[in-house]
């Protein structure tokens, strides 16, 4: 009988996993929500995955910011020749890192499988959207434009999103603001917006998102978006502006009970 090759994980540096991360990005081919964590000093702990003495991929653990004290696996990549050992390599990563949680976007096929295999209490924190339709909403009574310094005192208090660099003006007032964030993996830009309460349910939100999508494309980027699963109004606005749901941000606590690999096959 064939003896299973040893599968281990050892701590490494962000620089050492860069080639692996390029392969991961290519396979994902979408917006990667936690891509920028690696550039924040002290926020991640990367591990090299080793199978039979050869480098087989990497895993990244979030340990800083909101994950401080809650080490969480957020990236897991295994090279194709070693994918017959994915479960064993993941168990090795958990054992080496002491992680007790997984956080992944559901359009990441590898880590999502690990989540549903090893995690409990899985919940969805966000719905992810990608752009699939060009819309043609118009608003004769409003103007879409870039915000200026003179607008600062006129902008309404924002409750959920930051004040954006772009706005919609209606009836002589600033009715909504929005913008595009590039703190994920380029060329993807994350669109956000907020509409003032008196101007809601009038189509200004989807008009603003539509125009922000246009600006994003004109800048050579690809628009994306996300929202809370319970925010029905935002979900509807994004869909009316041509966005289609493509995944969720999922989290769960790790349990490796009964997951030890057999001694031989």
C-alpha atoms as a PDB file:
ATOM      1  CA  UNK A   1       0.000   0.000   0.000  1.00  0.00           C
ATOM      2  CA  UNK A   2       1.113   3.555  -0.687  1.00  0.00           C
ATOM      3  CA  UNK A   3       2.094   5.596   2.365  1.00  0.00           C
ATOM      4  CA  UNK A   4       0.675   9.099   2.452  1.00  0.00           C
ATOM      5  CA  UNK A   5       3.335  11.744   2.069  1.00  0.00           C
ATOM      6  CA  UNK A   6       3.753  14.094   5.013  1.00  0.00           C
ATOM      7  CA  UNK A   7       1.718  17.277   4.758  1.00  0.00           C
ATOM      8  CA  UNK A   8       2.842  20.214   6.860  1.00  0.00           C
ATOM      9  CA  UNK A   9       2.606  24.002   7.078  1.00  0.00           C
ATOM     10  CA  UNK A  10       5.308  26.390   8.249  1.00  0.00           C
ATOM     11  CA  UNK A  11       5.184  30.105   8.860  1.00  0.00           C
ATOM     12  CA  UNK A  12       6.771  32.236   6.132  1.00  0.00           C
ATOM     13  CA  UNK A  13       6.740  35.816   4.851  1.00  0.00           C
ATOM     14  CA  UNK A  14       4.324  37.713   2.629  1.00  0.00           C
ATOM     15  CA  UNK A  15       7.114  38.132   0.080  1.00  0.00           C
ATOM     16  CA  UNK A  16       7.624  34.372  -0.146  1.00  0.00           C
ATOM     17  CA  UNK A  17       4.001  33.688  -1.061  1.00  0.00           C
ATOM     18  CA  UNK A  18       3.705  36.396  -3.738  1.00  0.00           C
ATOM     19  CA  UNK A  19       4.133  33.933  -6.661  1.00  0.00           C
ATOM     20  CA  UNK A  20       1.477  31.687  -5.142  1.00  0.00           C
ATOM     21  CA  UNK A  21      -0.840  34.639  -4.644  1.00  0.00           C
ATOM     22  CA  UNK A  22      -0.507  35.557  -8.327  1.00  0.00           C
ATOM     23  CA  UNK A  23      -1.719  32.055  -9.215  1.00  0.00           C
ATOM     24  CA  UNK A  24      -4.551  32.399  -6.700  1.00  0.00           C
ATOM     25  CA  UNK A  25      -5.682  35.717  -8.224  1.00  0.00           C
ATOM     26  CA  UNK A  26      -5.610  34.233 -11.726  1.00  0.00           C
ATOM     27  CA  UNK A  27      -7.835  31.344 -10.707  1.00  0.00           C
ATOM     28  CA  UNK A  28     -10.243  33.551  -8.782  1.00  0.00           C
ATOM     29  CA  UNK A  29     -10.609  36.052 -11.660  1.00  0.00           C
ATOM     30  CA  UNK A  30     -12.872  38.289  -9.582  1.00  0.00           C
ATOM     31  CA  UNK A  31     -12.820  40.881  -6.849  1.00  0.00           C
ATOM     32  CA  UNK A  32     -10.982  39.488  -3.802  1.00  0.00           C
ATOM     33  CA  UNK A  33     -12.393  41.194  -0.741  1.00  0.00           C
ATOM     34  CA  UNK A  34      -9.457  40.601   1.622  1.00  0.00           C
ATOM     35  CA  UNK A  35      -6.662  41.045  -0.926  1.00  0.00           C
ATOM     36  CA  UNK A  36      -5.215  44.144   0.743  1.00  0.00           C
ATOM     37  CA  UNK A  37      -4.788  42.563   4.179  1.00  0.00           C
ATOM     38  CA  UNK A  38      -1.324  41.330   3.179  1.00  0.00           C
ATOM     39  CA  UNK A  39      -0.092  44.894   2.725  1.00  0.00           C
ATOM     40  CA  UNK A  40      -1.061  45.909   6.279  1.00  0.00           C
ATOM     41  CA  UNK A  41       1.847  45.297   8.618  1.00  0.00           C
ATOM     42  CA  UNK A  42       1.011  42.838  11.368  1.00  0.00           C
ATOM     43  CA  UNK A  43      -2.407  41.936  10.008  1.00  0.00           C
ATOM     44  CA  UNK A  44      -1.576  38.571   8.442  1.00  0.00           C
ATOM     45  CA  UNK A  45       0.481  35.479   9.146  1.00  0.00           C
ATOM     46  CA  UNK A  46       1.288  33.529   5.966  1.00  0.00           C
ATOM     47  CA  UNK A  47       2.131  29.823   5.866  1.00  0.00           C
ATOM     48  CA  UNK A  48       3.817  27.736   3.202  1.00  0.00           C
ATOM     49  CA  UNK A  49       2.089  24.417   2.589  1.00  0.00           C
ATOM     50  CA  UNK A  50       4.441  21.468   2.113  1.00  0.00           C
ATOM     51  CA  UNK A  51       3.611  18.014   0.784  1.00  0.00           C
ATOM     52  CA  UNK A  52       6.254  15.317   0.630  1.00  0.00           C
ATOM     53  CA  UNK A  53       8.965  17.897   1.142  1.00  0.00           C
ATOM     54  CA  UNK A  54       7.834  20.090  -1.789  1.00  0.00           C
ATOM     55  CA  UNK A  55       6.104  23.469  -1.670  1.00  0.00           C
ATOM     56  CA  UNK A  56       2.449  22.878  -2.519  1.00  0.00           C
ATOM     57  CA  UNK A  57       0.768  26.236  -1.916  1.00  0.00           C
ATOM     58  CA  UNK A  58       0.059  28.659   0.893  1.00  0.00           C
ATOM     59  CA  UNK A  59      -2.455  29.677   3.508  1.00  0.00           C
ATOM     60  CA  UNK A  60      -2.979  33.130   5.041  1.00  0.00           C
ATOM     61  CA  UNK A  61      -4.254  33.822   8.541  1.00  0.00           C
ATOM     62  CA  UNK A  62      -5.800  37.156   9.549  1.00  0.00           C
ATOM     63  CA  UNK A  63      -4.434  38.105  12.975  1.00  0.00           C
ATOM     64  CA  UNK A  64      -4.700  41.916  13.106  1.00  0.00           C
ATOM     65  CA  UNK A  65      -7.413  44.570  13.030  1.00  0.00           C
ATOM     66  CA  UNK A  66     -10.875  43.094  13.674  1.00  0.00           C
ATOM     67  CA  UNK A  67      -9.313  39.594  13.691  1.00  0.00           C
ATOM     68  CA  UNK A  68      -6.958  40.321  16.594  1.00  0.00           C
ATOM     69  CA  UNK A  69      -7.297  37.473  19.075  1.00  0.00           C
ATOM     70  CA  UNK A  70      -9.358  35.521  16.518  1.00  0.00           C
ATOM     71  CA  UNK A  71      -6.867  33.945  14.074  1.00  0.00           C
ATOM     72  CA  UNK A  72      -8.878  33.317  10.914  1.00  0.00           C
ATOM     73  CA  UNK A  73      -7.998  31.513   7.697  1.00  0.00           C
ATOM     74  CA  UNK A  74      -8.925  33.806   4.809  1.00  0.00           C
ATOM     75  CA  UNK A  75      -6.856  32.484   1.889  1.00  0.00           C
ATOM     76  CA  UNK A  76      -5.959  28.890   1.007  1.00  0.00           C
ATOM     77  CA  UNK A  77      -4.333  27.912  -2.263  1.00  0.00           C
ATOM     78  CA  UNK A  78      -3.026  24.500  -3.290  1.00  0.00           C
ATOM     79  CA  UNK A  79      -1.248  23.989  -6.612  1.00  0.00           C
ATOM     80  CA  UNK A  80      -3.070  21.585  -8.991  1.00  0.00           C
ATOM     81  CA  UNK A  81      -0.569  18.676  -8.658  1.00  0.00           C
ATOM     82  CA  UNK A  82      -1.203  18.573  -4.894  1.00  0.00           C
ATOM     83  CA  UNK A  83      -4.975  18.946  -4.772  1.00  0.00           C
ATOM     84  CA  UNK A  84      -5.465  15.287  -3.943  1.00  0.00           C
ATOM     85  CA  UNK A  85      -4.070  16.316  -0.540  1.00  0.00           C
ATOM     86  CA  UNK A  86      -6.156  19.472   0.001  1.00  0.00           C
ATOM     87  CA  UNK A  87      -7.939  18.272   3.126  1.00  0.00           C
ATOM     88  CA  UNK A  88      -4.718  17.032   4.725  1.00  0.00           C
ATOM     89  CA  UNK A  89      -2.935  20.297   3.895  1.00  0.00           C
ATOM     90  CA  UNK A  90      -5.775  22.320   5.371  1.00  0.00           C
ATOM     91  CA  UNK A  91      -5.682  20.303   8.585  1.00  0.00           C
ATOM     92  CA  UNK A  92      -1.925  20.909   8.709  1.00  0.00           C
ATOM     93  CA  UNK A  93      -2.510  24.656   8.267  1.00  0.00           C
ATOM     94  CA  UNK A  94      -5.021  24.760  11.109  1.00  0.00           C
ATOM     95  CA  UNK A  95      -2.740  22.749  13.388  1.00  0.00           C
ATOM     96  CA  UNK A  96       0.301  24.925  12.673  1.00  0.00           C
ATOM     97  CA  UNK A  97      -1.478  28.281  12.923  1.00  0.00           C
ATOM     98  CA  UNK A  98      -3.874  27.609  15.783  1.00  0.00           C
ATOM     99  CA  UNK A  99      -6.663  29.217  13.762  1.00  0.00           C
ATOM    100  CA  UNK A 100     -10.177  28.708  15.024  1.00  0.00           C
ATOM    101  CA  UNK A 101     -12.175  30.431  12.290  1.00  0.00           C
ATOM    102  CA  UNK A 102     -12.579  30.556   8.513  1.00  0.00           C
ATOM    103  CA  UNK A 103     -13.723  33.598   6.544  1.00  0.00           C
ATOM    104  CA  UNK A 104     -14.131  33.264   2.793  1.00  0.00           C
ATOM    105  CA  UNK A 105     -16.092  34.508  -0.170  1.00  0.00           C
ATOM    106  CA  UNK A 106     -18.261  31.715  -1.512  1.00  0.00           C
ATOM    107  CA  UNK A 107     -16.937  32.144  -5.075  1.00  0.00           C
ATOM    108  CA  UNK A 108     -13.573  30.909  -3.773  1.00  0.00           C
ATOM    109  CA  UNK A 109     -14.100  27.188  -4.484  1.00  0.00           C
ATOM    110  CA  UNK A 110     -11.235  25.784  -2.386  1.00  0.00           C
ATOM    111  CA  UNK A 111     -11.711  27.610   0.903  1.00  0.00           C
ATOM    112  CA  UNK A 112     -15.496  27.397   0.654  1.00  0.00           C
ATOM    113  CA  UNK A 113     -15.217  23.603   0.531  1.00  0.00           C
ATOM    114  CA  UNK A 114     -12.995  23.720   3.612  1.00  0.00           C
ATOM    115  CA  UNK A 115     -15.534  25.962   5.343  1.00  0.00           C
ATOM    116  CA  UNK A 116     -18.437  23.599   4.742  1.00  0.00           C
ATOM    117  CA  UNK A 117     -16.305  20.584   5.656  1.00  0.00           C
ATOM    118  CA  UNK A 118     -14.703  21.818   8.867  1.00  0.00           C
ATOM    119  CA  UNK A 119     -16.687  24.842  10.120  1.00  0.00           C
ATOM    120  CA  UNK A 120     -19.726  25.212  12.337  1.00  0.00           C
ATOM    121  CA  UNK A 121     -22.142  28.105  12.843  1.00  0.00           C
ATOM    122  CA  UNK A 122     -21.642  29.349   9.278  1.00  0.00           C
ATOM    123  CA  UNK A 123     -23.157  32.782   8.665  1.00  0.00           C
ATOM    124  CA  UNK A 124     -23.248  35.244   5.774  1.00  0.00           C
ATOM    125  CA  UNK A 125     -21.905  38.744   6.420  1.00  0.00           C
ATOM    126  CA  UNK A 126     -22.279  40.244   2.934  1.00  0.00           C
ATOM    127  CA  UNK A 127     -23.695  39.566  -0.496  1.00  0.00           C
ATOM    128  CA  UNK A 128     -21.188  40.106  -3.324  1.00  0.00           C
ATOM    129  CA  UNK A 129     -22.184  41.514  -6.725  1.00  0.00           C
ATOM    130  CA  UNK A 130     -20.522  41.688 -10.124  1.00  0.00           C
ATOM    131  CA  UNK A 131     -21.620  43.783 -13.084  1.00  0.00           C
ATOM    132  CA  UNK A 132     -23.553  42.019 -15.822  1.00  0.00           C
ATOM    133  CA  UNK A 133     -25.873  44.595 -17.416  1.00  0.00           C
ATOM    134  CA  UNK A 134     -25.527  48.141 -18.720  1.00  0.00           C
ATOM    135  CA  UNK A 135     -28.576  50.143 -17.693  1.00  0.00           C
ATOM    136  CA  UNK A 136     -29.952  53.420 -19.001  1.00  0.00           C
ATOM    137  CA  UNK A 137     -31.697  55.047 -16.056  1.00  0.00           C
ATOM    138  CA  UNK A 138     -32.193  58.773 -16.416  1.00  0.00           C
ATOM    139  CA  UNK A 139     -33.291  61.529 -14.097  1.00  0.00           C
ATOM    140  CA  UNK A 140     -34.237  64.777 -15.786  1.00  0.00           C
ATOM    141  CA  UNK A 141     -34.657  66.543 -12.464  1.00  0.00           C
ATOM    142  CA  UNK A 142     -31.227  65.633 -11.063  1.00  0.00           C
ATOM    143  CA  UNK A 143     -27.547  66.061 -11.910  1.00  0.00           C
ATOM    144  CA  UNK A 144     -24.695  63.600 -11.425  1.00  0.00           C
ATOM    145  CA  UNK A 145     -21.319  65.290 -10.890  1.00  0.00           C
ATOM    146  CA  UNK A 146     -18.088  65.212  -8.931  1.00  0.00           C
ATOM    147  CA  UNK A 147     -18.274  66.780  -5.466  1.00  0.00           C
ATOM    148  CA  UNK A 148     -16.418  70.043  -4.859  1.00  0.00           C
ATOM    149  CA  UNK A 149     -15.048  71.803  -1.795  1.00  0.00           C
ATOM    150  CA  UNK A 150     -18.097  74.075  -1.838  1.00  0.00           C
ATOM    151  CA  UNK A 151     -20.368  71.065  -1.341  1.00  0.00           C
ATOM    152  CA  UNK A 152     -18.947  70.056   2.034  1.00  0.00           C
ATOM    153  CA  UNK A 153     -21.317  72.156   4.148  1.00  0.00           C
ATOM    154  CA  UNK A 154     -24.321  71.056   2.094  1.00  0.00           C
ATOM    155  CA  UNK A 155     -23.808  67.302   2.325  1.00  0.00           C
ATOM    156  CA  UNK A 156     -26.294  65.476   4.539  1.00  0.00           C
ATOM    157  CA  UNK A 157     -25.106  63.408   7.544  1.00  0.00           C
ATOM    158  CA  UNK A 158     -24.148  59.888   6.439  1.00  0.00           C
ATOM    159  CA  UNK A 159     -25.148  56.953   8.638  1.00  0.00           C
ATOM    160  CA  UNK A 160     -23.717  53.876   6.919  1.00  0.00           C
ATOM    161  CA  UNK A 161     -21.275  54.886   4.189  1.00  0.00           C
ATOM    162  CA  UNK A 162     -18.513  57.504   3.925  1.00  0.00           C
ATOM    163  CA  UNK A 163     -19.167  60.697   2.001  1.00  0.00           C
ATOM    164  CA  UNK A 164     -18.341  60.004  -1.635  1.00  0.00           C
ATOM    165  CA  UNK A 165     -16.392  61.926  -4.249  1.00  0.00           C
ATOM    166  CA  UNK A 166     -19.440  61.963  -6.542  1.00  0.00           C
ATOM    167  CA  UNK A 167     -22.990  63.111  -5.911  1.00  0.00           C
ATOM    168  CA  UNK A 168     -26.473  63.495  -7.278  1.00  0.00           C
ATOM    169  CA  UNK A 169     -28.062  66.913  -6.861  1.00  0.00           C
ATOM    170  CA  UNK A 170     -31.846  67.236  -6.992  1.00  0.00           C
ATOM    171  CA  UNK A 171     -34.211  70.106  -6.218  1.00  0.00           C
ATOM    172  CA  UNK A 172     -31.220  72.262  -5.354  1.00  0.00           C
ATOM    173  CA  UNK A 173     -30.048  69.831  -2.669  1.00  0.00           C
ATOM    174  CA  UNK A 174     -27.462  67.078  -2.478  1.00  0.00           C
ATOM    175  CA  UNK A 175     -29.625  63.983  -2.607  1.00  0.00           C
ATOM    176  CA  UNK A 176     -26.963  61.249  -2.603  1.00  0.00           C
ATOM    177  CA  UNK A 177     -23.212  60.715  -2.621  1.00  0.00           C
ATOM    178  CA  UNK A 178     -21.082  57.762  -3.642  1.00  0.00           C
ATOM    179  CA  UNK A 179     -17.659  56.666  -4.725  1.00  0.00           C
ATOM    180  CA  UNK A 180     -15.345  53.864  -5.793  1.00  0.00           C
ATOM    181  CA  UNK A 181     -12.858  52.208  -3.449  1.00  0.00           C
ATOM    182  CA  UNK A 182      -9.725  50.499  -4.741  1.00  0.00           C
ATOM    183  CA  UNK A 183      -8.509  48.802  -1.579  1.00  0.00           C
ATOM    184  CA  UNK A 184      -9.112  45.348  -3.077  1.00  0.00           C
ATOM    185  CA  UNK A 185      -7.358  43.748  -6.030  1.00  0.00           C
ATOM    186  CA  UNK A 186      -7.230  45.927  -9.120  1.00  0.00           C
ATOM    187  CA  UNK A 187      -8.752  46.331 -11.621  1.00  0.00           C
ATOM    188  CA  UNK A 188     -11.817  45.868  -9.410  1.00  0.00           C
ATOM    189  CA  UNK A 189     -13.399  48.933  -7.835  1.00  0.00           C
ATOM    190  CA  UNK A 190     -15.935  48.649  -5.012  1.00  0.00           C
ATOM    191  CA  UNK A 191     -18.906  50.983  -5.461  1.00  0.00           C
ATOM    192  CA  UNK A 192     -20.619  52.491  -2.436  1.00  0.00           C
ATOM    193  CA  UNK A 193     -23.308  55.139  -2.001  1.00  0.00           C
ATOM    194  CA  UNK A 194     -25.852  56.613   0.389  1.00  0.00           C
ATOM    195  CA  UNK A 195     -29.093  58.453  -0.383  1.00  0.00           C
ATOM    196  CA  UNK A 196     -30.547  61.111   1.914  1.00  0.00           C
ATOM    197  CA  UNK A 197     -33.768  59.978   3.572  1.00  0.00           C
ATOM    198  CA  UNK A 198     -36.102  62.524   1.831  1.00  0.00           C
ATOM    199  CA  UNK A 199     -34.879  61.331  -1.596  1.00  0.00           C
ATOM    200  CA  UNK A 200     -35.145  57.592  -1.123  1.00  0.00           C
ATOM    201  CA  UNK A 201     -37.448  55.353  -3.183  1.00  0.00           C
ATOM    202  CA  UNK A 202     -37.234  57.751  -6.123  1.00  0.00           C
ATOM    203  CA  UNK A 203     -34.726  55.871  -8.265  1.00  0.00           C
ATOM    204  CA  UNK A 204     -31.813  58.158  -7.438  1.00  0.00           C
ATOM    205  CA  UNK A 205     -29.824  55.349  -5.836  1.00  0.00           C
ATOM    206  CA  UNK A 206     -29.785  53.107  -8.901  1.00  0.00           C
ATOM    207  CA  UNK A 207     -29.108  56.160 -11.095  1.00  0.00           C
ATOM    208  CA  UNK A 208     -26.081  57.031  -8.932  1.00  0.00           C
ATOM    209  CA  UNK A 209     -24.772  53.440  -8.975  1.00  0.00           C
ATOM    210  CA  UNK A 210     -25.235  53.291 -12.748  1.00  0.00           C
ATOM    211  CA  UNK A 211     -23.178  56.459 -13.204  1.00  0.00           C
ATOM    212  CA  UNK A 212     -20.490  55.287 -10.776  1.00  0.00           C
ATOM    213  CA  UNK A 213     -20.205  52.098 -12.843  1.00  0.00           C
ATOM    214  CA  UNK A 214     -19.676  54.239 -15.937  1.00  0.00           C
ATOM    215  CA  UNK A 215     -16.951  56.275 -14.188  1.00  0.00           C
ATOM    216  CA  UNK A 216     -15.289  53.068 -13.034  1.00  0.00           C
ATOM    217  CA  UNK A 217     -15.108  51.690 -16.580  1.00  0.00           C
ATOM    218  CA  UNK A 218     -13.855  55.027 -17.927  1.00  0.00           C
ATOM    219  CA  UNK A 219     -10.980  54.803 -15.433  1.00  0.00           C
ATOM    220  CA  UNK A 220     -10.020  51.390 -16.786  1.00  0.00           C
ATOM    221  CA  UNK A 221     -11.461  49.473 -13.838  1.00  0.00           C
ATOM    222  CA  UNK A 222     -14.180  46.883 -13.273  1.00  0.00           C
ATOM    223  CA  UNK A 223     -17.067  47.768 -10.937  1.00  0.00           C
ATOM    224  CA  UNK A 224     -18.135  45.474  -8.108  1.00  0.00           C
ATOM    225  CA  UNK A 225     -20.248  45.902  -4.997  1.00  0.00           C
ATOM    226  CA  UNK A 226     -21.477  44.253  -1.826  1.00  0.00           C
ATOM    227  CA  UNK A 227     -24.153  44.810   0.813  1.00  0.00           C
ATOM    228  CA  UNK A 228     -25.544  43.345   4.013  1.00  0.00           C
ATOM    229  CA  UNK A 229     -27.807  40.337   3.290  1.00  0.00           C
ATOM    230  CA  UNK A 230     -30.630  41.934   5.287  1.00  0.00           C
ATOM    231  CA  UNK A 231     -30.478  45.271   3.430  1.00  0.00           C
ATOM    232  CA  UNK A 232     -33.274  44.672   0.936  1.00  0.00           C
ATOM    233  CA  UNK A 233     -33.218  48.250  -0.342  1.00  0.00           C
ATOM    234  CA  UNK A 234     -29.518  48.080  -1.229  1.00  0.00           C
ATOM    235  CA  UNK A 235     -29.904  44.676  -2.834  1.00  0.00           C
ATOM    236  CA  UNK A 236     -32.709  46.007  -5.003  1.00  0.00           C
ATOM    237  CA  UNK A 237     -30.797  49.180  -5.916  1.00  0.00           C
ATOM    238  CA  UNK A 238     -27.713  47.247  -7.007  1.00  0.00           C
ATOM    239  CA  UNK A 239     -29.754  44.842  -9.109  1.00  0.00           C
ATOM    240  CA  UNK A 240     -31.671  47.664 -10.808  1.00  0.00           C
ATOM    241  CA  UNK A 241     -28.301  49.208 -11.734  1.00  0.00           C
ATOM    242  CA  UNK A 242     -27.170  46.012 -13.477  1.00  0.00           C
ATOM    243  CA  UNK A 243     -25.326  44.200 -10.693  1.00  0.00           C
ATOM    244  CA  UNK A 244     -25.912  40.458 -10.254  1.00  0.00           C
ATOM    245  CA  UNK A 245     -25.215  38.532  -7.019  1.00  0.00           C
ATOM    246  CA  UNK A 246     -22.172  36.279  -7.345  1.00  0.00           C
ATOM    247  CA  UNK A 247     -21.382  35.130  -3.808  1.00  0.00           C
ATOM    248  CA  UNK A 248     -21.381  35.770  -0.076  1.00  0.00           C
ATOM    249  CA  UNK A 249     -18.819  36.510   2.584  1.00  0.00           C
ATOM    250  CA  UNK A 250     -19.112  33.484   4.878  1.00  0.00           C
ATOM    251  CA  UNK A 251     -17.643  32.898   8.326  1.00  0.00           C
ATOM    252  CA  UNK A 252     -17.609  29.905  10.623  1.00  0.00           C
ATOM    253  CA  UNK A 253     -15.814  28.451  13.627  1.00  0.00           C
ATOM    254  CA  UNK A 254     -13.428  25.578  12.936  1.00  0.00           C
ATOM    255  CA  UNK A 255     -13.863  22.107  14.362  1.00  0.00           C
ATOM    256  CA  UNK A 256     -11.384  19.396  13.333  1.00  0.00           C
ATOM    257  CA  UNK A 257     -13.158  16.627  15.212  1.00  0.00           C
ATOM    258  CA  UNK A 258     -12.738  13.412  13.298  1.00  0.00           C
ATOM    259  CA  UNK A 259     -10.703  15.094  10.562  1.00  0.00           C
ATOM    260  CA  UNK A 260      -7.337  13.400  11.083  1.00  0.00           C
ATOM    261  CA  UNK A 261      -6.156  11.719   7.880  1.00  0.00           C
ATOM    262  CA  UNK A 262      -5.797   7.927   7.845  1.00  0.00           C
ATOM    263  CA  UNK A 263      -2.344   6.409   8.193  1.00  0.00           C
ATOM    264  CA  UNK A 264      -2.477   4.787   4.759  1.00  0.00           C
ATOM    265  CA  UNK A 265      -4.657   4.231   1.716  1.00  0.00           C
END
